[in-house]
Amino acid sequence: VNVSVSIDKKERSAIIDFTGTDTQQKNNFNAPTAIARSACLYVFRTLVDQAIPLNSGCMKPLKITLPESSMVNPRPPAAVVAGNVEVSQTITDTLYGALKRLAGSQGTMNNFTFGNQSDGYYETICGGAGAGPSFNGCDAVHTHMTNTRLTDPEILETRYPVRLEQFEIRAGSGGEGKYHGGDGITRAIRFLEPMTASILSNHRVVPPFGLEGGKNGALGRNTLIKADGEVVELGHRAEIDMKPGDLFKIETPGGGGYGKK
């Protein structure tokens, strides 16, 4: 996703131009215009130093260019399921980076699902927030275009044939800088019955960026650890048939740092 932002202080307006963004993808990493515009609204509303109601008037000072047949304005029959949960995060981080207000946050919702013919479960997982010009990024939080709660471990293990074996802050995964990025987390779930599990995530190849000399956050990682000890590295998208005793381990990205240390 590419974006340029021009601010007109006299007119109190902004031009947000996504020209140069990749063409729509053959996979589902495409965001309908409603999602792209919502991400722009979110970013600029957070920059207003007063409480304002959320309404369409907030968009009047913003001129947004979304090239047709691009990731941020796809044409049918493009798949868009990752648009809301993943591309929106990329748009948000890109805008904050262009404005030099925030380093990259974890930039993903780490969508994790599992189920069989009788059970189904879906969660999104926290990570590191990007640092800013006067503050450190937060550890282990949902960032920007997501704010869901995780199921309590006791409820998870009571209702589903799984065991939560690890859920902790991934120390040192935030990027260094004058202000350091927030740390991601490590979450590992062991399966007690056969199930199918899937992950839809981002920043497993390209790290969350640092700003103004700050270091990048750590990459996320998805791993299958089989009951016999074999370790299988998974990509940012994967669907796996889990057998009893198998462990699915998710390490979420850290946020980028801001400024030279």
C-alpha atoms as a PDB file:
ATOM      1  CA  VAL A   1       0.000   0.000   0.000  1.00  0.00           C
ATOM      2  CA  ASN A   2       1.427   3.393  -1.050  1.00  0.00           C
ATOM      3  CA  VAL A   3       0.041   6.732   0.100  1.00  0.00           C
ATOM      4  CA  SER A   4       0.954  10.408  -0.036  1.00  0.00           C
ATOM      5  CA  VAL A   5      -0.668  12.949   2.269  1.00  0.00           C
ATOM      6  CA  SER A   6      -0.777  16.688   1.556  1.00  0.00           C
ATOM      7  CA  ILE A   7      -1.993  19.008   4.313  1.00  0.00           C
ATOM      8  CA  ASP A   8      -3.450  22.467   3.598  1.00  0.00           C
ATOM      9  CA  LYS A   9      -3.305  24.268   6.943  1.00  0.00           C
ATOM     10  CA  LYS A  10      -5.063  27.358   5.615  1.00  0.00           C
ATOM     11  CA  GLU A  11      -8.010  25.385   4.261  1.00  0.00           C
ATOM     12  CA  ARG A  12      -7.804  22.884   7.151  1.00  0.00           C
ATOM     13  CA  SER A  13      -7.986  20.006   4.676  1.00  0.00           C
ATOM     14  CA  ALA A  14      -5.952  17.050   3.463  1.00  0.00           C
ATOM     15  CA  ILE A  15      -5.447  15.143   0.224  1.00  0.00           C
ATOM     16  CA  ILE A  16      -4.875  11.417   0.747  1.00  0.00           C
ATOM     17  CA  ASP A  17      -3.698   9.756  -2.464  1.00  0.00           C
ATOM     18  CA  PHE A  18      -3.224   5.998  -2.709  1.00  0.00           C
ATOM     19  CA  THR A  19      -1.864   6.133  -6.273  1.00  0.00           C
ATOM     20  CA  GLY A  20       0.906   3.543  -6.628  1.00  0.00           C
ATOM     21  CA  THR A  21      -0.801   0.949  -4.441  1.00  0.00           C
ATOM     22  CA  ASP A  22      -0.596  -2.582  -5.858  1.00  0.00           C
ATOM     23  CA  THR A  23      -3.343  -3.828  -8.132  1.00  0.00           C
ATOM     24  CA  GLN A  24      -6.029  -6.001  -6.586  1.00  0.00           C
ATOM     25  CA  GLN A  25      -4.739  -9.336  -5.375  1.00  0.00           C
ATOM     26  CA  LYS A  26      -5.684 -12.826  -6.522  1.00  0.00           C
ATOM     27  CA  ASN A  27      -5.902 -13.796  -2.850  1.00  0.00           C
ATOM     28  CA  ASN A  28      -8.307 -12.102  -0.401  1.00  0.00           C
ATOM     29  CA  PHE A  29      -6.030  -9.225   0.687  1.00  0.00           C
ATOM     30  CA  ASN A  30      -8.236  -6.556  -0.889  1.00  0.00           C
ATOM     31  CA  ALA A  31     -10.122  -3.803   0.947  1.00  0.00           C
ATOM     32  CA  PRO A  32     -13.410  -2.398  -0.391  1.00  0.00           C
ATOM     33  CA  THR A  33     -13.545   1.395  -0.521  1.00  0.00           C
ATOM     34  CA  ALA A  34     -15.713   1.510   2.614  1.00  0.00           C
ATOM     35  CA  ILE A  35     -12.907  -0.139   4.570  1.00  0.00           C
ATOM     36  CA  ALA A  36     -10.211   2.104   3.086  1.00  0.00           C
ATOM     37  CA  ARG A  37     -12.212   5.247   3.826  1.00  0.00           C
ATOM     38  CA  SER A  38     -12.985   4.036   7.352  1.00  0.00           C
ATOM     39  CA  ALA A  39      -9.272   3.566   8.019  1.00  0.00           C
ATOM     40  CA  CYS A  40      -8.593   7.131   6.831  1.00  0.00           C
ATOM     41  CA  LEU A  41     -11.366   8.445   9.053  1.00  0.00           C
ATOM     42  CA  TYR A  42      -9.992   6.542  12.046  1.00  0.00           C
ATOM     43  CA  VAL A  43      -6.478   7.958  11.632  1.00  0.00           C
ATOM     44  CA  PHE A  44      -7.467  11.589  11.141  1.00  0.00           C
ATOM     45  CA  ARG A  45     -10.039  11.484  13.915  1.00  0.00           C
ATOM     46  CA  THR A  46      -7.327  10.364  16.354  1.00  0.00           C
ATOM     47  CA  LEU A  47      -5.250  13.398  15.337  1.00  0.00           C
ATOM     48  CA  VAL A  48      -7.947  15.874  16.382  1.00  0.00           C
ATOM     49  CA  ASP A  49      -7.085  17.125  19.848  1.00  0.00           C
ATOM     50  CA  GLN A  50     -10.659  17.197  21.118  1.00  0.00           C
ATOM     51  CA  ALA A  51     -13.624  14.883  21.448  1.00  0.00           C
ATOM     52  CA  ILE A  52     -15.738  15.003  18.301  1.00  0.00           C
ATOM     53  CA  PRO A  53     -18.736  12.833  17.400  1.00  0.00           C
ATOM     54  CA  LEU A  54     -18.286  10.186  14.756  1.00  0.00           C
ATOM     55  CA  ASN A  55     -20.254  11.318  11.708  1.00  0.00           C
ATOM     56  CA  SER A  56     -19.913  11.840   7.962  1.00  0.00           C
ATOM     57  CA  GLY A  57     -18.936  15.470   8.490  1.00  0.00           C
ATOM     58  CA  CYS A  58     -15.540  14.252   9.674  1.00  0.00           C
ATOM     59  CA  MET A  59     -14.786  13.266   6.082  1.00  0.00           C
ATOM     60  CA  LYS A  60     -15.543  16.640   4.481  1.00  0.00           C
ATOM     61  CA  PRO A  61     -11.983  18.038   4.846  1.00  0.00           C
ATOM     62  CA  LEU A  62     -10.491  14.826   3.412  1.00  0.00           C
ATOM     63  CA  LYS A  63     -10.096  14.221  -0.322  1.00  0.00           C
ATOM     64  CA  ILE A  64      -9.311  10.525  -0.780  1.00  0.00           C
ATOM     65  CA  THR A  65      -8.057   9.027  -4.052  1.00  0.00           C
ATOM     66  CA  LEU A  66      -8.482   5.241  -4.301  1.00  0.00           C
ATOM     67  CA  PRO A  67      -7.266   3.924  -7.687  1.00  0.00           C
ATOM     68  CA  GLU A  68      -9.693   1.541  -9.365  1.00  0.00           C
ATOM     69  CA  SER A  69      -8.776  -2.162  -9.479  1.00  0.00           C
ATOM     70  CA  SER A  70      -6.234  -1.679  -6.685  1.00  0.00           C
ATOM     71  CA  MET A  71      -6.014  -3.358  -3.273  1.00  0.00           C
ATOM     72  CA  VAL A  72      -7.952  -0.426  -1.801  1.00  0.00           C
ATOM     73  CA  ASN A  73     -10.634  -0.284  -4.511  1.00  0.00           C
ATOM     74  CA  PRO A  74     -11.031  -3.779  -5.985  1.00  0.00           C
ATOM     75  CA  ARG A  75     -13.452  -4.733  -8.728  1.00  0.00           C
ATOM     76  CA  PRO A  76     -15.732  -7.802  -8.577  1.00  0.00           C
ATOM     77  CA  PRO A  77     -15.209 -10.700  -8.263  1.00  0.00           C
ATOM     78  CA  ALA A  78     -12.204  -9.875  -6.054  1.00  0.00           C
ATOM     79  CA  ALA A  79     -12.119 -11.676  -2.703  1.00  0.00           C
ATOM     80  CA  VAL A  80     -12.111  -9.238   0.221  1.00  0.00           C
ATOM     81  CA  VAL A  81     -12.299 -11.262   3.436  1.00  0.00           C
ATOM     82  CA  ALA A  82      -8.873 -10.011   4.612  1.00  0.00           C
ATOM     83  CA  GLY A  83      -9.731  -6.416   3.725  1.00  0.00           C
ATOM     84  CA  ASN A  84     -11.367  -5.616   7.043  1.00  0.00           C
ATOM     85  CA  VAL A  85      -9.079  -7.649   9.281  1.00  0.00           C
ATOM     86  CA  GLU A  86      -5.673  -7.211   7.595  1.00  0.00           C
ATOM     87  CA  VAL A  87      -5.514  -4.592   4.811  1.00  0.00           C
ATOM     88  CA  SER A  88      -7.209  -2.033   7.068  1.00  0.00           C
ATOM     89  CA  GLN A  89      -4.295  -2.434   9.489  1.00  0.00           C
ATOM     90  CA  THR A  90      -1.804  -1.833   6.695  1.00  0.00           C
ATOM     91  CA  ILE A  91      -3.649   1.294   5.550  1.00  0.00           C
ATOM     92  CA  THR A  92      -3.698   2.651   9.100  1.00  0.00           C
ATOM     93  CA  ASP A  93       0.000   2.041   9.730  1.00  0.00           C
ATOM     94  CA  THR A  94       0.918   3.493   6.329  1.00  0.00           C
ATOM     95  CA  LEU A  95      -1.007   6.693   7.044  1.00  0.00           C
ATOM     96  CA  TYR A  96       0.527   7.151  10.494  1.00  0.00           C
ATOM     97  CA  GLY A  97       3.955   6.520   8.985  1.00  0.00           C
ATOM     98  CA  ALA A  98       3.428   9.064   6.197  1.00  0.00           C
ATOM     99  CA  LEU A  99       2.383  11.616   8.816  1.00  0.00           C
ATOM    100  CA  LYS A 100       5.332  10.610  11.048  1.00  0.00           C
ATOM    101  CA  ARG A 101       2.971  10.248  13.997  1.00  0.00           C
ATOM    102  CA  LEU A 102       3.440   6.559  14.838  1.00  0.00           C
ATOM    103  CA  ALA A 103       5.806   3.749  13.964  1.00  0.00           C
ATOM    104  CA  GLY A 104       4.239   0.586  12.584  1.00  0.00           C
ATOM    105  CA  SER A 105       2.159  -1.444  15.018  1.00  0.00           C
ATOM    106  CA  GLN A 106       1.768  -5.213  14.789  1.00  0.00           C
ATOM    107  CA  GLY A 107      -0.314  -4.546  11.658  1.00  0.00           C
ATOM    108  CA  THR A 108      -2.435  -7.681  11.859  1.00  0.00           C
ATOM    109  CA  MET A 109      -5.330  -9.174  13.778  1.00  0.00           C
ATOM    110  CA  ASN A 110      -3.725 -12.652  13.823  1.00  0.00           C
ATOM    111  CA  ASN A 111      -7.036 -14.305  12.924  1.00  0.00           C
ATOM    112  CA  PHE A 112      -6.993 -17.801  14.433  1.00  0.00           C
ATOM    113  CA  THR A 113      -9.817 -20.300  13.962  1.00  0.00           C
ATOM    114  CA  PHE A 114     -10.330 -23.963  14.704  1.00  0.00           C
ATOM    115  CA  GLY A 115     -13.195 -26.399  14.597  1.00  0.00           C
ATOM    116  CA  ASN A 116     -14.743 -29.685  13.511  1.00  0.00           C
ATOM    117  CA  GLN A 117     -18.258 -30.869  12.692  1.00  0.00           C
ATOM    118  CA  SER A 118     -19.544 -30.004  16.180  1.00  0.00           C
ATOM    119  CA  ASP A 119     -17.413 -27.093  17.422  1.00  0.00           C
ATOM    120  CA  GLY A 120     -16.106 -23.825  16.002  1.00  0.00           C
ATOM    121  CA  TYR A 121     -14.000 -21.022  17.488  1.00  0.00           C
ATOM    122  CA  TYR A 122     -12.490 -17.748  16.259  1.00  0.00           C
ATOM    123  CA  GLU A 123     -10.223 -15.233  17.973  1.00  0.00           C
ATOM    124  CA  THR A 124      -8.021 -12.293  17.092  1.00  0.00           C
ATOM    125  CA  ILE A 125      -4.794 -11.881  19.011  1.00  0.00           C
ATOM    126  CA  CYS A 126      -3.002  -8.851  20.467  1.00  0.00           C
ATOM    127  CA  GLY A 127       0.525  -7.676  19.680  1.00  0.00           C
ATOM    128  CA  GLY A 128       2.845  -4.687  19.967  1.00  0.00           C
ATOM    129  CA  ALA A 129       1.850  -1.068  19.319  1.00  0.00           C
ATOM    130  CA  GLY A 130       4.131   1.357  17.499  1.00  0.00           C
ATOM    131  CA  ALA A 131       5.986   4.063  19.406  1.00  0.00           C
ATOM    132  CA  GLY A 132       5.402   7.784  18.834  1.00  0.00           C
ATOM    133  CA  PRO A 133       7.404  11.015  19.084  1.00  0.00           C
ATOM    134  CA  SER A 134       6.991  11.221  22.872  1.00  0.00           C
ATOM    135  CA  PHE A 135       5.904   7.794  24.097  1.00  0.00           C
ATOM    136  CA  ASN A 136       6.658   4.086  24.025  1.00  0.00           C
ATOM    137  CA  GLY A 137       4.373   1.612  22.290  1.00  0.00           C
ATOM    138  CA  CYS A 138       2.132  -0.553  24.469  1.00  0.00           C
ATOM    139  CA  ASP A 139       2.775  -4.262  24.947  1.00  0.00           C
ATOM    140  CA  ALA A 140       0.206  -6.967  24.159  1.00  0.00           C
ATOM    141  CA  VAL A 141      -2.707  -4.861  22.927  1.00  0.00           C
ATOM    142  CA  HIS A 142      -5.076  -4.823  19.996  1.00  0.00           C
ATOM    143  CA  THR A 143      -4.057  -1.951  17.749  1.00  0.00           C
ATOM    144  CA  HIS A 144      -6.048   0.446  15.597  1.00  0.00           C
ATOM    145  CA  MET A 145      -8.733  -1.270  13.525  1.00  0.00           C
ATOM    146  CA  THR A 146      -9.513  -4.007  16.050  1.00  0.00           C
ATOM    147  CA  ASN A 147     -10.537  -4.157  19.685  1.00  0.00           C
ATOM    148  CA  THR A 148     -11.866  -7.613  20.529  1.00  0.00           C
ATOM    149  CA  ARG A 149     -11.525  -9.469  23.807  1.00  0.00           C
ATOM    150  CA  LEU A 150     -10.050 -12.936  24.151  1.00  0.00           C
ATOM    151  CA  THR A 151     -12.033 -15.753  25.699  1.00  0.00           C
ATOM    152  CA  ASP A 152     -11.042 -16.488  29.305  1.00  0.00           C
ATOM    153  CA  PRO A 153      -8.740 -19.540  29.473  1.00  0.00           C
ATOM    154  CA  GLU A 154     -11.119 -21.361  31.819  1.00  0.00           C
ATOM    155  CA  ILE A 155     -14.043 -20.896  29.416  1.00  0.00           C
ATOM    156  CA  LEU A 156     -11.925 -21.832  26.392  1.00  0.00           C
ATOM    157  CA  GLU A 157     -10.757 -25.077  27.961  1.00  0.00           C
ATOM    158  CA  THR A 158     -14.204 -25.945  29.345  1.00  0.00           C
ATOM    159  CA  ARG A 159     -16.069 -25.525  26.069  1.00  0.00           C
ATOM    160  CA  TYR A 160     -13.486 -26.798  23.582  1.00  0.00           C
ATOM    161  CA  PRO A 161     -11.145 -29.824  23.483  1.00  0.00           C
ATOM    162  CA  VAL A 162      -8.003 -27.701  23.720  1.00  0.00           C
ATOM    163  CA  ARG A 163      -5.531 -26.608  26.382  1.00  0.00           C
ATOM    164  CA  LEU A 164      -3.946 -23.155  26.526  1.00  0.00           C
ATOM    165  CA  GLU A 165      -0.327 -23.902  27.374  1.00  0.00           C
ATOM    166  CA  GLN A 166       1.301 -20.509  26.890  1.00  0.00           C
ATOM    167  CA  PHE A 167       0.114 -16.908  26.788  1.00  0.00           C
ATOM    168  CA  GLU A 168       2.767 -14.356  27.667  1.00  0.00           C
ATOM    169  CA  ILE A 169       4.446 -11.160  26.528  1.00  0.00           C
ATOM    170  CA  ARG A 170       7.133 -11.791  23.919  1.00  0.00           C
ATOM    171  CA  ALA A 171       9.874  -9.823  25.631  1.00  0.00           C
ATOM    172  CA  GLY A 172      12.190  -7.851  23.346  1.00  0.00           C
ATOM    173  CA  SER A 173      10.023  -8.067  20.234  1.00  0.00           C
ATOM    174  CA  GLY A 174       9.346  -4.318  20.180  1.00  0.00           C
ATOM    175  CA  GLY A 175      11.722  -2.225  18.077  1.00  0.00           C
ATOM    176  CA  GLU A 176      14.390  -0.221  19.876  1.00  0.00           C
ATOM    177  CA  GLY A 177      14.598   3.563  19.694  1.00  0.00           C
ATOM    178  CA  LYS A 178      14.415   6.708  21.771  1.00  0.00           C
ATOM    179  CA  TYR A 179      10.917   5.393  22.399  1.00  0.00           C
ATOM    180  CA  HIS A 180      10.623   1.628  22.046  1.00  0.00           C
ATOM    181  CA  GLY A 181       7.860  -0.270  20.311  1.00  0.00           C
ATOM    182  CA  GLY A 182       5.485  -2.459  22.264  1.00  0.00           C
ATOM    183  CA  ASP A 183       6.152  -6.172  22.619  1.00  0.00           C
ATOM    184  CA  GLY A 184       3.999  -8.793  20.953  1.00  0.00           C
ATOM    185  CA  ILE A 185       2.833 -11.995  22.652  1.00  0.00           C
ATOM    186  CA  THR A 186       3.310 -15.743  22.406  1.00  0.00           C
ATOM    187  CA  ARG A 187       0.179 -17.899  22.481  1.00  0.00           C
ATOM    188  CA  ALA A 188       0.239 -21.699  22.220  1.00  0.00           C
ATOM    189  CA  ILE A 189      -2.805 -23.982  22.131  1.00  0.00           C
ATOM    190  CA  ARG A 190      -2.612 -27.783  22.336  1.00  0.00           C
ATOM    191  CA  PHE A 191      -5.347 -29.816  20.678  1.00  0.00           C
ATOM    192  CA  LEU A 192      -6.879 -32.786  22.501  1.00  0.00           C
ATOM    193  CA  GLU A 193      -9.069 -33.990  19.617  1.00  0.00           C
ATOM    194  CA  PRO A 194      -8.730 -33.918  15.817  1.00  0.00           C
ATOM    195  CA  MET A 195      -9.627 -30.472  14.468  1.00  0.00           C
ATOM    196  CA  THR A 196      -8.849 -28.167  11.575  1.00  0.00           C
ATOM    197  CA  ALA A 197      -7.040 -24.931  12.510  1.00  0.00           C
ATOM    198  CA  SER A 198      -6.278 -21.922  10.339  1.00  0.00           C
ATOM    199  CA  ILE A 199      -4.354 -18.672  10.664  1.00  0.00           C
ATOM    200  CA  LEU A 200      -4.726 -15.469   8.645  1.00  0.00           C
ATOM    201  CA  SER A 201      -2.033 -13.007   9.641  1.00  0.00           C
ATOM    202  CA  ASN A 202       0.528 -10.492   8.448  1.00  0.00           C
ATOM    203  CA  HIS A 203       4.056  -9.201   9.158  1.00  0.00           C
ATOM    204  CA  ARG A 204       5.595 -12.675   8.973  1.00  0.00           C
ATOM    205  CA  VAL A 205       7.947 -11.533   6.187  1.00  0.00           C
ATOM    206  CA  VAL A 206       8.039  -7.715   6.311  1.00  0.00           C
ATOM    207  CA  PRO A 207       8.508  -6.327   9.867  1.00  0.00           C
ATOM    208  CA  PRO A 208       6.535  -3.426  11.374  1.00  0.00           C
ATOM    209  CA  PHE A 209       8.556  -0.316  10.501  1.00  0.00           C
ATOM    210  CA  GLY A 210      10.424   2.011  12.831  1.00  0.00           C
ATOM    211  CA  LEU A 211      10.338   5.788  12.336  1.00  0.00           C
ATOM    212  CA  GLU A 212      12.884   8.593  12.549  1.00  0.00           C
ATOM    213  CA  GLY A 213      15.754   6.197  13.232  1.00  0.00           C
ATOM    214  CA  GLY A 214      13.805   3.756  15.382  1.00  0.00           C
ATOM    215  CA  LYS A 215      14.263   0.034  14.757  1.00  0.00           C
ATOM    216  CA  ASN A 216      11.693  -2.272  13.216  1.00  0.00           C
ATOM    217  CA  GLY A 217       9.551  -4.509  15.385  1.00  0.00           C
ATOM    218  CA  ALA A 218      10.117  -8.265  15.348  1.00  0.00           C
ATOM    219  CA  LEU A 219       8.418 -10.426  12.748  1.00  0.00           C
ATOM    220  CA  GLY A 220       5.504 -12.596  13.772  1.00  0.00           C
ATOM    221  CA  ARG A 221       5.763 -16.362  13.505  1.00  0.00           C
ATOM    222  CA  ASN A 222       3.328 -19.276  13.167  1.00  0.00           C
ATOM    223  CA  THR A 223       4.487 -22.752  14.121  1.00  0.00           C
ATOM    224  CA  LEU A 224       3.008 -26.249  14.299  1.00  0.00           C
ATOM    225  CA  ILE A 225       4.685 -28.477  16.887  1.00  0.00           C
ATOM    226  CA  LYS A 226       3.492 -32.031  16.348  1.00  0.00           C
ATOM    227  CA  ALA A 227       2.919 -34.483  19.165  1.00  0.00           C
ATOM    228  CA  ASP A 228       6.072 -36.378  18.144  1.00  0.00           C
ATOM    229  CA  GLY A 229       8.157 -33.194  18.446  1.00  0.00           C
ATOM    230  CA  GLU A 230       8.436 -32.333  14.747  1.00  0.00           C
ATOM    231  CA  VAL A 231       8.385 -28.558  14.178  1.00  0.00           C
ATOM    232  CA  VAL A 232       6.706 -27.196  11.042  1.00  0.00           C
ATOM    233  CA  GLU A 233       7.092 -23.508  10.144  1.00  0.00           C
ATOM    234  CA  LEU A 234       3.868 -22.073   8.742  1.00  0.00           C
ATOM    235  CA  GLY A 235       3.323 -19.063   6.501  1.00  0.00           C
ATOM    236  CA  HIS A 236       1.195 -16.035   7.221  1.00  0.00           C
ATOM    237  CA  ARG A 237      -1.793 -18.009   5.883  1.00  0.00           C
ATOM    238  CA  ALA A 238      -2.209 -21.663   6.726  1.00  0.00           C
ATOM    239  CA  GLU A 239      -4.807 -24.368   7.284  1.00  0.00           C
ATOM    240  CA  ILE A 240      -3.715 -27.447   9.210  1.00  0.00           C
ATOM    241  CA  ASP A 241      -5.365 -30.688  10.305  1.00  0.00           C
ATOM    242  CA  MET A 242      -4.485 -30.871  13.984  1.00  0.00           C
ATOM    243  CA  LYS A 243      -4.121 -34.259  15.644  1.00  0.00           C
ATOM    244  CA  PRO A 244      -4.419 -34.982  19.381  1.00  0.00           C
ATOM    245  CA  GLY A 245      -1.291 -33.682  21.109  1.00  0.00           C
ATOM    246  CA  ASP A 246      -0.365 -31.190  18.366  1.00  0.00           C
ATOM    247  CA  LEU A 247       0.480 -27.624  19.454  1.00  0.00           C
ATOM    248  CA  PHE A 248      -0.287 -24.484  17.421  1.00  0.00           C
ATOM    249  CA  LYS A 249       2.054 -21.653  18.450  1.00  0.00           C
ATOM    250  CA  ILE A 250       1.531 -18.024  17.415  1.00  0.00           C
ATOM    251  CA  GLU A 251       4.111 -15.295  18.083  1.00  0.00           C
ATOM    252  CA  THR A 252       2.712 -11.880  17.212  1.00  0.00           C
ATOM    253  CA  PRO A 253       4.780  -8.974  15.863  1.00  0.00           C
ATOM    254  CA  GLY A 254       6.247  -6.210  17.990  1.00  0.00           C
ATOM    255  CA  GLY A 255       5.709  -2.536  17.265  1.00  0.00           C
ATOM    256  CA  GLY A 256       8.332  -0.332  15.640  1.00  0.00           C
ATOM    257  CA  GLY A 257      10.507   2.062  17.640  1.00  0.00           C
ATOM    258  CA  TYR A 258      10.576   5.851  17.203  1.00  0.00           C
ATOM    259  CA  GLY A 259      13.719   8.003  17.089  1.00  0.00           C
ATOM    260  CA  LYS A 260      17.388   7.132  17.459  1.00  0.00           C
ATOM    261  CA  LYS A 261      18.321   5.606  20.790  1.00  0.00           C
END
